[in-house]
Structure formats: structure tokens, C-alpha cells
């Protein structure tokens, strides 16, 4: 299940930010912005998400899937709650994604 959820996101990051320079970092605009980001939330426009379920049982999702789901909800609603903005998910680690795909 994780693999089907993770691969599109990894493909999106690779297409937006380019390939990685190593197993633990992204080096292009998104990766550099993450390193220097000081504000928890920046202004953003809504992105229409037509087929995303809004009443999903969160207990069936892993922690990473819940975090991604919360991000998608925030983007579709153009509102980010403070608990989501203050979460510290850890480093963006390309190698961790690959290990979780097995």
C-alpha cells in the first residue's frame, strides 16, 4: 500500500526538483527552500482535488500517509491548521522512501 502512495509523490518531487545528489537530500529549488524555510506556512492558492476522500478512516493510514493526507486536505481547503504547520516530520530522505517501497 505504501508503495502505491509513495511513488507518485516521489515522481512529483523528482520532476519539480530534479534528481537527488545523494541518499539523504534534494539539491535543487525545493530542497534548498526546505533547508532555509523559517515560516511554517507560506501563502498558497487552492489546488482542486476532485477525487480525494474527505471522510477517510485515519486509523488505516500509516503516520506518513496521515501526514500526506493532512497536507493534501490543507492544500485543497487553502487552510493550514497550526498543528500541521508545527509538525516536524524529519529530513527529506530519498533513501528512506526507497527502503519503505520494498
PDB file of N, CA and C in Angstrom:
ATOM      1  N   UNK A   1       0.816  -1.195   0.000  1.00  0.00           N
ATOM      2  CA  UNK A   1       0.000   0.000   0.000  1.00  0.00           C
ATOM      3  C   UNK A   1       0.861   1.261   0.000  1.00  0.00           C
ATOM      4  N   UNK A   2       1.910   1.278   0.825  1.00  0.00           N
ATOM      5  CA  UNK A   2       2.766   2.462   0.888  1.00  0.00           C
ATOM      6  C   UNK A   2       3.393   2.753  -0.467  1.00  0.00           C
ATOM      7  N   UNK A   3       3.788   1.704  -1.179  1.00  0.00           N
ATOM      8  CA  UNK A   3       4.440   1.915  -2.467  1.00  0.00           C
ATOM      9  C   UNK A   3       3.513   2.648  -3.429  1.00  0.00           C
ATOM     10  N   UNK A   4       2.255   2.294  -3.466  1.00  0.00           N
ATOM     11  CA  UNK A   4       1.341   2.967  -4.388  1.00  0.00           C
ATOM     12  C   UNK A   4       1.099   4.409  -3.978  1.00  0.00           C
ATOM     13  N   UNK A   5       1.205   4.719  -2.698  1.00  0.00           N
ATOM     14  CA  UNK A   5       1.037   6.101  -2.242  1.00  0.00           C
ATOM     15  C   UNK A   5       2.308   6.916  -2.402  1.00  0.00           C
ATOM     16  N   UNK A   6       3.450   6.277  -2.263  1.00  0.00           N
ATOM     17  CA  UNK A   6       4.732   6.980  -2.250  1.00  0.00           C
ATOM     18  C   UNK A   6       5.263   7.285  -3.640  1.00  0.00           C
ATOM     19  N   UNK A   7       5.109   6.368  -4.574  1.00  0.00           N
ATOM     20  CA  UNK A   7       5.728   6.544  -5.889  1.00  0.00           C
ATOM     21  C   UNK A   7       5.258   7.796  -6.630  1.00  0.00           C
ATOM     22  N   UNK A   8       3.960   8.120  -6.651  1.00  0.00           N
ATOM     23  CA  UNK A   8       3.569   9.367  -7.329  1.00  0.00           C
ATOM     24  C   UNK A   8       4.181  10.607  -6.685  1.00  0.00           C
ATOM     25  N   UNK A   9       4.267  10.622  -5.341  1.00  0.00           N
ATOM     26  CA  UNK A   9       4.866  11.773  -4.673  1.00  0.00           C
ATOM     27  C   UNK A   9       6.349  11.871  -4.999  1.00  0.00           C
ATOM     28  N   UNK A  10       7.039  10.738  -5.006  1.00  0.00           N
ATOM     29  CA  UNK A  10       8.468  10.760  -5.345  1.00  0.00           C
ATOM     30  C   UNK A  10       8.649  11.241  -6.783  1.00  0.00           C
ATOM     31  N   UNK A  11       7.794  10.769  -7.685  1.00  0.00           N
ATOM     32  CA  UNK A  11       7.871  11.203  -9.082  1.00  0.00           C
ATOM     33  C   UNK A  11       7.621  12.708  -9.184  1.00  0.00           C
ATOM     34  N   UNK A  12       6.660  13.219  -8.415  1.00  0.00           N
ATOM     35  CA  UNK A  12       6.371  14.654  -8.424  1.00  0.00           C
ATOM     36  C   UNK A  12       7.570  15.453  -7.937  1.00  0.00           C
ATOM     37  N   UNK A  13       8.165  15.047  -6.811  1.00  0.00           N
ATOM     38  CA  UNK A  13       9.336  15.764  -6.300  1.00  0.00           C
ATOM     39  C   UNK A  13      10.500  15.697  -7.281  1.00  0.00           C
ATOM     40  N   UNK A  14      10.713  14.538  -7.891  1.00  0.00           N
ATOM     41  CA  UNK A  14      11.798  14.429  -8.867  1.00  0.00           C
ATOM     42  C   UNK A  14      11.544  15.312 -10.081  1.00  0.00           C
ATOM     43  N   UNK A  15      10.287  15.407 -10.518  1.00  0.00           N
ATOM     44  CA  UNK A  15      10.011  16.239 -11.694  1.00  0.00           C
ATOM     45  C   UNK A  15      10.101  17.726 -11.357  1.00  0.00           C
ATOM     46  N   UNK A  16       9.739  18.109 -10.133  1.00  0.00           N
ATOM     47  CA  UNK A  16       9.820  19.515  -9.742  1.00  0.00           C
ATOM     48  C   UNK A  16      11.218  19.930  -9.307  1.00  0.00           C
ATOM     49  N   UNK A  17      11.926  19.033  -8.630  1.00  0.00           N
ATOM     50  CA  UNK A  17      13.196  19.390  -8.003  1.00  0.00           C
ATOM     51  C   UNK A  17      14.394  18.716  -8.645  1.00  0.00           C
ATOM     52  N   UNK A  18      14.188  17.806  -9.559  1.00  0.00           N
ATOM     53  CA  UNK A  18      15.309  17.115 -10.188  1.00  0.00           C
ATOM     54  C   UNK A  18      15.762  15.921  -9.369  1.00  0.00           C
ATOM     55  N   UNK A  19      16.766  15.245  -9.850  1.00  0.00           N
ATOM     56  CA  UNK A  19      17.260  14.060  -9.165  1.00  0.00           C
ATOM     57  C   UNK A  19      18.035  14.449  -7.916  1.00  0.00           C
ATOM     58  N   UNK A  20      18.232  13.499  -7.050  1.00  0.00           N
ATOM     59  CA  UNK A  20      18.935  13.762  -5.799  1.00  0.00           C
ATOM     60  C   UNK A  20      20.439  13.722  -6.010  1.00  0.00           C
ATOM     61  N   UNK A  21      21.164  14.357  -5.084  1.00  0.00           N
ATOM     62  CA  UNK A  21      22.626  14.317  -5.138  1.00  0.00           C
ATOM     63  C   UNK A  21      23.180  13.232  -4.238  1.00  0.00           C
ATOM     64  N   UNK A  22      22.340  12.636  -3.454  1.00  0.00           N
ATOM     65  CA  UNK A  22      22.761  11.578  -2.549  1.00  0.00           C
ATOM     66  C   UNK A  22      21.541  10.944  -1.923  1.00  0.00           C
ATOM     67  N   UNK A  23      21.740   9.996  -1.035  1.00  0.00           N
ATOM     68  CA  UNK A  23      20.596   9.291  -0.472  1.00  0.00           C
ATOM     69  C   UNK A  23      19.770  10.100   0.517  1.00  0.00           C
ATOM     70  N   UNK A  24      20.246  11.257   0.965  1.00  0.00           N
ATOM     71  CA  UNK A  24      19.526  11.998   2.001  1.00  0.00           C
ATOM     72  C   UNK A  24      19.180  13.432   1.636  1.00  0.00           C
ATOM     73  N   UNK A  25      19.292  13.824   0.385  1.00  0.00           N
ATOM     74  CA  UNK A  25      18.993  15.229   0.127  1.00  0.00           C
ATOM     75  C   UNK A  25      18.532  15.494  -1.295  1.00  0.00           C
ATOM     76  N   UNK A  26      17.736  16.532  -1.395  1.00  0.00           N
ATOM     77  CA  UNK A  26      17.353  17.101  -2.676  1.00  0.00           C
ATOM     78  C   UNK A  26      18.150  18.389  -2.804  1.00  0.00           C
ATOM     79  N   UNK A  27      18.649  18.699  -3.992  1.00  0.00           N
ATOM     80  CA  UNK A  27      19.608  19.802  -4.107  1.00  0.00           C
ATOM     81  C   UNK A  27      19.105  20.987  -4.916  1.00  0.00           C
ATOM     82  N   UNK A  28      17.981  20.878  -5.548  1.00  0.00           N
ATOM     83  CA  UNK A  28      17.538  21.957  -6.413  1.00  0.00           C
ATOM     84  C   UNK A  28      16.587  22.884  -5.661  1.00  0.00           C
ATOM     85  N   UNK A  29      15.752  23.672  -6.297  1.00  0.00           N
ATOM     86  CA  UNK A  29      14.998  24.726  -5.606  1.00  0.00           C
ATOM     87  C   UNK A  29      14.183  24.267  -4.390  1.00  0.00           C
ATOM     88  N   UNK A  30      13.467  23.167  -4.493  1.00  0.00           N
ATOM     89  CA  UNK A  30      12.650  22.732  -3.356  1.00  0.00           C
ATOM     90  C   UNK A  30      13.533  22.304  -2.201  1.00  0.00           C
ATOM     91  N   UNK A  31      14.550  21.514  -2.480  1.00  0.00           N
ATOM     92  CA  UNK A  31      15.454  21.059  -1.423  1.00  0.00           C
ATOM     93  C   UNK A  31      16.139  22.208  -0.715  1.00  0.00           C
ATOM     94  N   UNK A  32      16.577  23.207  -1.464  1.00  0.00           N
ATOM     95  CA  UNK A  32      17.226  24.375  -0.856  1.00  0.00           C
ATOM     96  C   UNK A  32      16.227  25.209  -0.062  1.00  0.00           C
ATOM     97  N   UNK A  33      15.003  25.317  -0.547  1.00  0.00           N
ATOM     98  CA  UNK A  33      13.981  26.081   0.169  1.00  0.00           C
ATOM     99  C   UNK A  33      13.620  25.408   1.488  1.00  0.00           C
ATOM    100  N   UNK A  34      13.602  24.091   1.514  1.00  0.00           N
ATOM    101  CA  UNK A  34      13.287  23.374   2.751  1.00  0.00           C
ATOM    102  C   UNK A  34      14.342  23.654   3.806  1.00  0.00           C
ATOM    103  N   UNK A  35      15.613  23.700   3.408  1.00  0.00           N
ATOM    104  CA  UNK A  35      16.697  23.925   4.363  1.00  0.00           C
ATOM    105  C   UNK A  35      16.627  25.298   5.017  1.00  0.00           C
ATOM    106  N   UNK A  36      16.194  26.314   4.270  1.00  0.00           N
ATOM    107  CA  UNK A  36      16.217  27.684   4.786  1.00  0.00           C
ATOM    108  C   UNK A  36      14.841  28.210   5.179  1.00  0.00           C
ATOM    109  N   UNK A  37      13.838  27.375   5.102  1.00  0.00           N
ATOM    110  CA  UNK A  37      12.475  27.816   5.412  1.00  0.00           C
ATOM    111  C   UNK A  37      12.343  28.140   6.895  1.00  0.00           C
ATOM    112  N   UNK A  38      11.896  29.350   7.187  1.00  0.00           N
ATOM    113  CA  UNK A  38      11.713  29.764   8.575  1.00  0.00           C
ATOM    114  C   UNK A  38      10.244  29.905   8.936  1.00  0.00           C
ATOM    115  N   UNK A  39       9.410  30.175   7.974  1.00  0.00           N
ATOM    116  CA  UNK A  39       7.986  30.322   8.226  1.00  0.00           C
ATOM    117  C   UNK A  39       7.310  28.960   8.093  1.00  0.00           C
ATOM    118  N   UNK A  40       6.453  28.582   9.056  1.00  0.00           N
ATOM    119  CA  UNK A  40       5.806  27.278   8.965  1.00  0.00           C
ATOM    120  C   UNK A  40       4.812  27.176   7.811  1.00  0.00           C
ATOM    121  N   UNK A  41       4.183  28.290   7.438  1.00  0.00           N
ATOM    122  CA  UNK A  41       3.209  28.260   6.350  1.00  0.00           C
ATOM    123  C   UNK A  41       3.397  29.499   5.491  1.00  0.00           C
ATOM    124  N   UNK A  42       3.481  29.300   4.197  1.00  0.00           N
ATOM    125  CA  UNK A  42       3.549  30.405   3.246  1.00  0.00           C
ATOM    126  C   UNK A  42       2.196  30.504   2.549  1.00  0.00           C
ATOM    127  N   UNK A  43       1.813  31.679   2.077  1.00  0.00           N
ATOM    128  CA  UNK A  43       0.553  31.801   1.344  1.00  0.00           C
ATOM    129  C   UNK A  43       0.569  30.897   0.110  1.00  0.00           C
ATOM    130  N   UNK A  44      -0.565  30.265  -0.167  1.00  0.00           N
ATOM    131  CA  UNK A  44      -0.638  29.369  -1.312  1.00  0.00           C
ATOM    132  C   UNK A  44      -2.051  29.363  -1.875  1.00  0.00           C
ATOM    133  N   UNK A  45      -2.176  29.098  -3.177  1.00  0.00           N
ATOM    134  CA  UNK A  45      -3.503  29.008  -3.782  1.00  0.00           C
ATOM    135  C   UNK A  45      -4.076  27.601  -3.597  1.00  0.00           C
ATOM    136  N   UNK A  46      -5.374  27.495  -3.717  1.00  0.00           N
ATOM    137  CA  UNK A  46      -6.031  26.194  -3.635  1.00  0.00           C
ATOM    138  C   UNK A  46      -5.736  25.376  -4.885  1.00  0.00           C
ATOM    139  N   UNK A  47      -5.630  24.086  -4.705  1.00  0.00           N
ATOM    140  CA  UNK A  47      -5.499  23.160  -5.827  1.00  0.00           C
ATOM    141  C   UNK A  47      -6.696  22.234  -5.753  1.00  0.00           C
ATOM    142  N   UNK A  48      -7.467  22.164  -6.813  1.00  0.00           N
ATOM    143  CA  UNK A  48      -8.655  21.323  -6.825  1.00  0.00           C
ATOM    144  C   UNK A  48      -8.263  19.851  -6.756  1.00  0.00           C
ATOM    145  N   UNK A  49      -8.854  19.149  -5.815  1.00  0.00           N
ATOM    146  CA  UNK A  49      -8.619  17.718  -5.668  1.00  0.00           C
ATOM    147  C   UNK A  49      -9.987  17.055  -5.766  1.00  0.00           C
ATOM    148  N   UNK A  50     -10.348  16.640  -6.967  1.00  0.00           N
ATOM    149  CA  UNK A  50     -11.696  16.141  -7.214  1.00  0.00           C
ATOM    150  C   UNK A  50     -11.970  14.763  -6.623  1.00  0.00           C
ATOM    151  N   UNK A  51     -10.982  13.891  -6.629  1.00  0.00           N
ATOM    152  CA  UNK A  51     -11.250  12.511  -6.232  1.00  0.00           C
ATOM    153  C   UNK A  51     -10.652  12.140  -4.878  1.00  0.00           C
ATOM    154  N   UNK A  52     -10.326  13.107  -4.046  1.00  0.00           N
ATOM    155  CA  UNK A  52      -9.746  12.797  -2.744  1.00  0.00           C
ATOM    156  C   UNK A  52     -10.857  12.579  -1.721  1.00  0.00           C
ATOM    157  N   UNK A  53     -10.825  11.452  -1.011  1.00  0.00           N
ATOM    158  CA  UNK A  53     -11.863  11.214   0.001  1.00  0.00           C
ATOM    159  C   UNK A  53     -11.671  12.146   1.198  1.00  0.00           C
ATOM    160  N   UNK A  54     -12.760  12.748   1.666  1.00  0.00           N
ATOM    161  CA  UNK A  54     -12.661  13.684   2.787  1.00  0.00           C
ATOM    162  C   UNK A  54     -13.028  13.040   4.117  1.00  0.00           C
ATOM    163  N   UNK A  55     -13.681  11.903   4.097  1.00  0.00           N
ATOM    164  CA  UNK A  55     -14.052  11.210   5.334  1.00  0.00           C
ATOM    165  C   UNK A  55     -13.398   9.835   5.351  1.00  0.00           C
ATOM    166  N   UNK A  56     -12.096   9.811   5.519  1.00  0.00           N
ATOM    167  CA  UNK A  56     -11.354   8.554   5.500  1.00  0.00           C
ATOM    168  C   UNK A  56     -11.037   8.133   6.936  1.00  0.00           C
ATOM    169  N   UNK A  57     -11.020   6.834   7.175  1.00  0.00           N
ATOM    170  CA  UNK A  57     -10.653   6.303   8.489  1.00  0.00           C
ATOM    171  C   UNK A  57      -9.143   6.436   8.646  1.00  0.00           C
ATOM    172  N   UNK A  58      -8.710   7.381   9.461  1.00  0.00           N
ATOM    173  CA  UNK A  58      -7.278   7.666   9.618  1.00  0.00           C
ATOM    174  C   UNK A  58      -6.524   6.525  10.277  1.00  0.00           C
ATOM    175  N   UNK A  59      -7.220   5.636  10.964  1.00  0.00           N
ATOM    176  CA  UNK A  59      -6.557   4.531  11.654  1.00  0.00           C
ATOM    177  C   UNK A  59      -5.968   3.511  10.675  1.00  0.00           C
ATOM    178  N   UNK A  60      -6.431   3.499   9.436  1.00  0.00           N
ATOM    179  CA  UNK A  60      -5.889   2.553   8.455  1.00  0.00           C
ATOM    180  C   UNK A  60      -4.648   3.118   7.763  1.00  0.00           C
ATOM    181  N   UNK A  61      -4.311   4.373   8.034  1.00  0.00           N
ATOM    182  CA  UNK A  61      -3.163   5.016   7.399  1.00  0.00           C
ATOM    183  C   UNK A  61      -1.940   4.978   8.308  1.00  0.00           C
ATOM    184  N   UNK A  62      -0.768   4.856   7.703  1.00  0.00           N
ATOM    185  CA  UNK A  62       0.479   4.967   8.466  1.00  0.00           C
ATOM    186  C   UNK A  62       0.684   6.437   8.845  1.00  0.00           C
ATOM    187  N   UNK A  63       1.662   6.716   9.697  1.00  0.00           N
ATOM    188  CA  UNK A  63       1.946   8.104  10.086  1.00  0.00           C
ATOM    189  C   UNK A  63       2.296   8.960   8.878  1.00  0.00           C
ATOM    190  N   UNK A  64       3.129   8.429   7.970  1.00  0.00           N
ATOM    191  CA  UNK A  64       3.498   9.179   6.768  1.00  0.00           C
ATOM    192  C   UNK A  64       2.281   9.440   5.890  1.00  0.00           C
ATOM    193  N   UNK A  65       1.406   8.444   5.759  1.00  0.00           N
ATOM    194  CA  UNK A  65       0.208   8.613   4.938  1.00  0.00           C
ATOM    195  C   UNK A  65      -0.741   9.635   5.563  1.00  0.00           C
ATOM    196  N   UNK A  66      -0.868   9.623   6.895  1.00  0.00           N
ATOM    197  CA  UNK A  66      -1.706  10.614   7.570  1.00  0.00           C
ATOM    198  C   UNK A  66      -1.166  12.024   7.348  1.00  0.00           C
ATOM    199  N   UNK A  67       0.148  12.171   7.427  1.00  0.00           N
ATOM    200  CA  UNK A  67       0.776  13.477   7.218  1.00  0.00           C
ATOM    201  C   UNK A  67       0.527  13.964   5.791  1.00  0.00           C
ATOM    202  N   UNK A  68       0.710  13.087   4.811  1.00  0.00           N
ATOM    203  CA  UNK A  68       0.465  13.446   3.415  1.00  0.00           C
ATOM    204  C   UNK A  68      -1.008  13.781   3.198  1.00  0.00           C
ATOM    205  N   UNK A  69      -1.897  13.008   3.796  1.00  0.00           N
ATOM    206  CA  UNK A  69      -3.334  13.264   3.686  1.00  0.00           C
ATOM    207  C   UNK A  69      -3.681  14.643   4.260  1.00  0.00           C
ATOM    208  N   UNK A  70      -3.116  14.972   5.424  1.00  0.00           N
ATOM    209  CA  UNK A  70      -3.356  16.280   6.038  1.00  0.00           C
ATOM    210  C   UNK A  70      -2.838  17.416   5.163  1.00  0.00           C
ATOM    211  N   UNK A  71      -1.692  17.217   4.531  1.00  0.00           N
ATOM    212  CA  UNK A  71      -1.150  18.229   3.619  1.00  0.00           C
ATOM    213  C   UNK A  71      -2.087  18.419   2.432  1.00  0.00           C
ATOM    214  N   UNK A  72      -2.568  17.318   1.860  1.00  0.00           N
ATOM    215  CA  UNK A  72      -3.484  17.406   0.714  1.00  0.00           C
ATOM    216  C   UNK A  72      -4.784  18.106   1.099  1.00  0.00           C
ATOM    217  N   UNK A  73      -5.309  17.806   2.285  1.00  0.00           N
ATOM    218  CA  UNK A  73      -6.521  18.496   2.743  1.00  0.00           C
ATOM    219  C   UNK A  73      -6.275  19.993   2.901  1.00  0.00           C
ATOM    220  N   UNK A  74      -5.141  20.356   3.475  1.00  0.00           N
ATOM    221  CA  UNK A  74      -4.823  21.775   3.665  1.00  0.00           C
ATOM    222  C   UNK A  74      -4.728  22.493   2.324  1.00  0.00           C
ATOM    223  N   UNK A  75      -4.104  21.866   1.350  1.00  0.00           N
ATOM    224  CA  UNK A  75      -3.963  22.486   0.028  1.00  0.00           C
ATOM    225  C   UNK A  75      -5.319  22.640  -0.638  1.00  0.00           C
ATOM    226  N   UNK A  76      -6.168  21.625  -0.542  1.00  0.00           N
ATOM    227  CA  UNK A  76      -7.470  21.708  -1.205  1.00  0.00           C
ATOM    228  C   UNK A  76      -8.402  22.706  -0.516  1.00  0.00           C
ATOM    229  N   UNK A  77      -8.221  22.923   0.790  1.00  0.00           N
ATOM    230  CA  UNK A  77      -9.087  23.847   1.542  1.00  0.00           C
ATOM    231  C   UNK A  77      -8.489  25.245   1.704  1.00  0.00           C
ATOM    232  N   UNK A  78      -7.235  25.433   1.322  1.00  0.00           N
ATOM    233  CA  UNK A  78      -6.494  26.684   1.483  1.00  0.00           C
ATOM    234  C   UNK A  78      -6.486  27.129   2.944  1.00  0.00           C
ATOM    235  N   UNK A  79      -6.322  26.187   3.826  1.00  0.00           N
ATOM    236  CA  UNK A  79      -6.163  26.498   5.242  1.00  0.00           C
ATOM    237  C   UNK A  79      -5.257  25.446   5.865  1.00  0.00           C
ATOM    238  N   UNK A  80      -4.338  25.914   6.657  1.00  0.00           N
ATOM    239  CA  UNK A  80      -3.385  25.016   7.300  1.00  0.00           C
ATOM    240  C   UNK A  80      -3.474  25.224   8.803  1.00  0.00           C
ATOM    241  N   UNK A  81      -3.902  24.215   9.499  1.00  0.00           N
ATOM    242  CA  UNK A  81      -4.032  24.314  10.949  1.00  0.00           C
ATOM    243  C   UNK A  81      -2.658  24.360  11.599  1.00  0.00           C
ATOM    244  N   UNK A  82      -2.586  24.993  12.758  1.00  0.00           N
ATOM    245  CA  UNK A  82      -1.292  25.198  13.417  1.00  0.00           C
ATOM    246  C   UNK A  82      -0.605  23.886  13.768  1.00  0.00           C
ATOM    247  N   UNK A  83      -1.362  22.842  14.126  1.00  0.00           N
ATOM    248  CA  UNK A  83      -0.713  21.575  14.467  1.00  0.00           C
ATOM    249  C   UNK A  83      -0.028  20.959  13.252  1.00  0.00           C
ATOM    250  N   UNK A  84      -0.601  21.142  12.071  1.00  0.00           N
ATOM    251  CA  UNK A  84       0.045  20.647  10.854  1.00  0.00           C
ATOM    252  C   UNK A  84       1.283  21.481  10.534  1.00  0.00           C
ATOM    253  N   UNK A  85       1.179  22.790  10.691  1.00  0.00           N
ATOM    254  CA  UNK A  85       2.304  23.677  10.385  1.00  0.00           C
ATOM    255  C   UNK A  85       3.479  23.456  11.324  1.00  0.00           C
ATOM    256  N   UNK A  86       3.207  23.037  12.545  1.00  0.00           N
ATOM    257  CA  UNK A  86       4.271  22.887  13.534  1.00  0.00           C
ATOM    258  C   UNK A  86       4.846  21.476  13.611  1.00  0.00           C
ATOM    259  N   UNK A  87       4.318  20.539  12.839  1.00  0.00           N
ATOM    260  CA  UNK A  87       4.874  19.180  12.838  1.00  0.00           C
ATOM    261  C   UNK A  87       6.289  19.196  12.299  1.00  0.00           C
ATOM    262  N   UNK A  88       7.110  18.353  12.842  1.00  0.00           N
ATOM    263  CA  UNK A  88       8.482  18.215  12.363  1.00  0.00           C
ATOM    264  C   UNK A  88       8.636  16.786  11.850  1.00  0.00           C
ATOM    265  N   UNK A  89       8.467  16.581  10.543  1.00  0.00           N
ATOM    266  CA  UNK A  89       8.465  15.218  10.013  1.00  0.00           C
ATOM    267  C   UNK A  89       9.844  14.590   9.894  1.00  0.00           C
ATOM    268  N   UNK A  90      10.895  15.362  10.046  1.00  0.00           N
ATOM    269  CA  UNK A  90      12.245  14.828   9.865  1.00  0.00           C
ATOM    270  C   UNK A  90      12.789  15.220   8.504  1.00  0.00           C
ATOM    271  N   UNK A  91      13.989  14.772   8.227  1.00  0.00           N
ATOM    272  CA  UNK A  91      14.643  15.118   6.969  1.00  0.00           C
ATOM    273  C   UNK A  91      13.947  14.450   5.787  1.00  0.00           C
ATOM    274  N   UNK A  92      14.016  15.112   4.647  1.00  0.00           N
ATOM    275  CA  UNK A  92      13.558  14.501   3.411  1.00  0.00           C
ATOM    276  C   UNK A  92      14.643  13.525   2.991  1.00  0.00           C
ATOM    277  N   UNK A  93      14.361  12.253   3.103  1.00  0.00           N
ATOM    278  CA  UNK A  93      15.381  11.243   2.829  1.00  0.00           C
ATOM    279  C   UNK A  93      14.921  10.339   1.695  1.00  0.00           C
ATOM    280  N   UNK A  94      15.493  10.529   0.539  1.00  0.00           N
ATOM    281  CA  UNK A  94      15.157   9.724  -0.627  1.00  0.00           C
ATOM    282  C   UNK A  94      15.396   8.248  -0.348  1.00  0.00           C
ATOM    283  N   UNK A  95      16.462   7.928   0.375  1.00  0.00           N
ATOM    284  CA  UNK A  95      16.774   6.525   0.666  1.00  0.00           C
ATOM    285  C   UNK A  95      15.706   5.899   1.559  1.00  0.00           C
ATOM    286  N   UNK A  96      15.126   6.672   2.471  1.00  0.00           N
ATOM    287  CA  UNK A  96      14.064   6.145   3.326  1.00  0.00           C
ATOM    288  C   UNK A  96      12.851   5.775   2.494  1.00  0.00           C
ATOM    289  N   UNK A  97      12.541   6.598   1.506  1.00  0.00           N
ATOM    290  CA  UNK A  97      11.414   6.291   0.637  1.00  0.00           C
ATOM    291  C   UNK A  97      11.658   4.992  -0.103  1.00  0.00           C
ATOM    292  N   UNK A  98      12.876   4.816  -0.610  1.00  0.00           N
ATOM    293  CA  UNK A  98      13.177   3.598  -1.353  1.00  0.00           C
ATOM    294  C   UNK A  98      13.124   2.379  -0.444  1.00  0.00           C
ATOM    295  N   UNK A  99      13.591   2.505   0.795  1.00  0.00           N
ATOM    296  CA  UNK A  99      13.544   1.381   1.726  1.00  0.00           C
ATOM    297  C   UNK A  99      12.114   1.009   2.080  1.00  0.00           C
ATOM    298  N   UNK A 100      11.232   1.979   2.164  1.00  0.00           N
ATOM    299  CA  UNK A 100       9.838   1.704   2.507  1.00  0.00           C
ATOM    300  C   UNK A 100       9.059   1.091   1.357  1.00  0.00           C
ATOM    301  N   UNK A 101       9.602   1.130   0.156  1.00  0.00           N
ATOM    302  CA  UNK A 101       8.900   0.598  -1.011  1.00  0.00           C
ATOM    303  C   UNK A 101       8.987  -0.917  -1.117  1.00  0.00           C
ATOM    304  N   UNK A 102       9.850  -1.535  -0.369  1.00  0.00           N
ATOM    305  CA  UNK A 102      10.062  -2.982  -0.510  1.00  0.00           C
ATOM    306  C   UNK A 102       8.834  -3.780  -0.192  1.00  0.00           C
TER     307      UNK A 102
END
